[in-house]
Amino acid sequence: MSDKCISGKKCFESEELAEEALIQNHIRNNYRGGEGPVNVYQCDNCGYWHFTSKGDKSEKLRDPEVLEFIERERRAFDWERKLR
């Protein structure tokens, strides 16, 4: 496996790392409904994991505890940006 993909997308070594990055991405970017990446997939070209904005929302992004965590961290991240 290479650390680069012909898709140009960021590569993650495992599904777990990709899902954690997906959650962090939603914290930092405050996507509105229907925007942003919604799941991860293993690429047929490089074998690594990437984000996708197509298809069904990941179970992690539908989990009420994860959604609550994202909202709490998003508020903290917004305050941190304001205080810089």
Protein backbone atom coordinates (compact mmCIF):
# COMPACT_ATOMS: atom_id res chain seq x y z
CA MET A 1 0.00 0.00 0.00
CA SER A 2 1.09 3.52 -0.76
CA ASP A 3 0.50 6.56 1.41
CA LYS A 4 -1.03 8.39 -1.55
CA CYS A 5 -4.09 7.62 -3.58
CA ILE A 6 -4.89 8.48 -7.17
CA SER A 7 -8.16 9.96 -5.86
CA GLY A 8 -6.20 12.72 -4.11
CA LYS A 9 -8.14 12.01 -0.92
CA LYS A 10 -6.53 11.84 2.49
CA CYS A 11 -5.63 8.27 3.47
CA PHE A 12 -6.27 6.61 6.83
CA GLU A 13 -4.68 3.28 7.75
CA SER A 14 -7.78 1.79 9.39
CA GLU A 15 -11.53 2.20 9.52
CA GLU A 16 -11.27 3.22 13.18
CA LEU A 17 -8.79 6.01 12.42
CA ALA A 18 -10.92 7.21 9.52
CA GLU A 19 -14.06 7.29 11.68
CA GLU A 20 -12.28 9.23 14.43
CA ALA A 21 -11.02 11.70 11.83
CA LEU A 22 -14.55 11.96 10.42
CA ILE A 23 -15.87 12.93 13.85
CA GLN A 24 -13.06 15.49 14.32
CA ASN A 25 -13.82 16.86 10.86
CA HIS A 26 -17.45 17.44 11.87
CA ILE A 27 -16.32 19.18 15.06
CA ARG A 28 -14.01 21.58 13.22
CA ASN A 29 -16.24 22.34 10.23
CA ASN A 30 -19.74 22.61 11.72
CA TYR A 31 -21.49 21.15 8.68
CA ARG A 32 -25.16 21.87 8.07
CA GLY A 33 -27.57 19.01 7.31
CA GLY A 34 -26.63 17.25 4.10
CA GLU A 35 -23.17 18.83 3.91
CA GLY A 36 -19.74 17.38 4.43
CA PRO A 37 -18.52 13.81 4.57
CA VAL A 38 -20.97 11.30 6.00
CA ASN A 39 -19.07 8.02 6.06
CA VAL A 40 -15.78 6.24 5.38
CA TYR A 41 -14.89 3.53 2.89
CA GLN A 42 -11.95 1.35 1.99
CA CYS A 43 -10.55 2.37 -1.38
CA ASP A 44 -10.20 -0.27 -4.10
CA ASN A 45 -7.20 1.61 -5.53
CA CYS A 46 -4.94 2.12 -2.52
CA GLY A 47 -6.47 -0.05 0.22
CA TYR A 48 -6.57 2.85 2.67
CA TRP A 49 -9.72 4.43 4.10
CA HIS A 50 -11.22 7.73 2.86
CA PHE A 51 -14.17 10.01 3.66
CA THR A 52 -17.20 10.04 1.40
CA SER A 53 -20.09 12.49 1.17
CA LYS A 54 -22.23 9.93 -0.69
CA GLY A 55 -24.39 7.15 0.65
CA ASP A 56 -25.74 6.52 4.11
CA LYS A 57 -24.55 8.37 7.18
CA SER A 58 -22.19 6.27 9.29
CA GLU A 59 -23.50 4.60 12.42
CA LYS A 60 -21.06 6.74 14.43
CA LEU A 61 -22.63 9.95 13.09
CA ARG A 62 -26.10 8.62 13.97
CA ASP A 63 -25.20 7.61 17.52
CA PRO A 64 -26.83 10.05 20.00
CA GLU A 65 -23.81 9.93 22.33
CA VAL A 66 -21.43 10.72 19.49
CA LEU A 67 -23.70 13.54 18.28
CA GLU A 68 -23.75 14.99 21.80
CA PHE A 69 -19.95 14.71 21.96
CA ILE A 70 -19.61 16.48 18.57
CA GLU A 71 -21.88 19.32 19.73
CA ARG A 72 -19.99 19.77 23.03
CA GLU A 73 -16.60 19.72 21.30
CA ARG A 74 -17.84 22.05 18.55
CA ARG A 75 -18.89 24.64 21.13
CA ALA A 76 -15.51 24.33 22.87
CA PHE A 77 -13.69 24.62 19.52
CA ASP A 78 -15.72 27.72 18.59
CA TRP A 79 -14.87 29.40 21.92
CA GLU A 80 -11.21 28.51 21.51
CA ARG A 81 -11.17 30.16 18.06
CA LYS A 82 -12.87 33.27 19.44
CA LEU A 83 -10.33 33.61 22.24
CA ARG A 84 -7.24 33.42 20.00
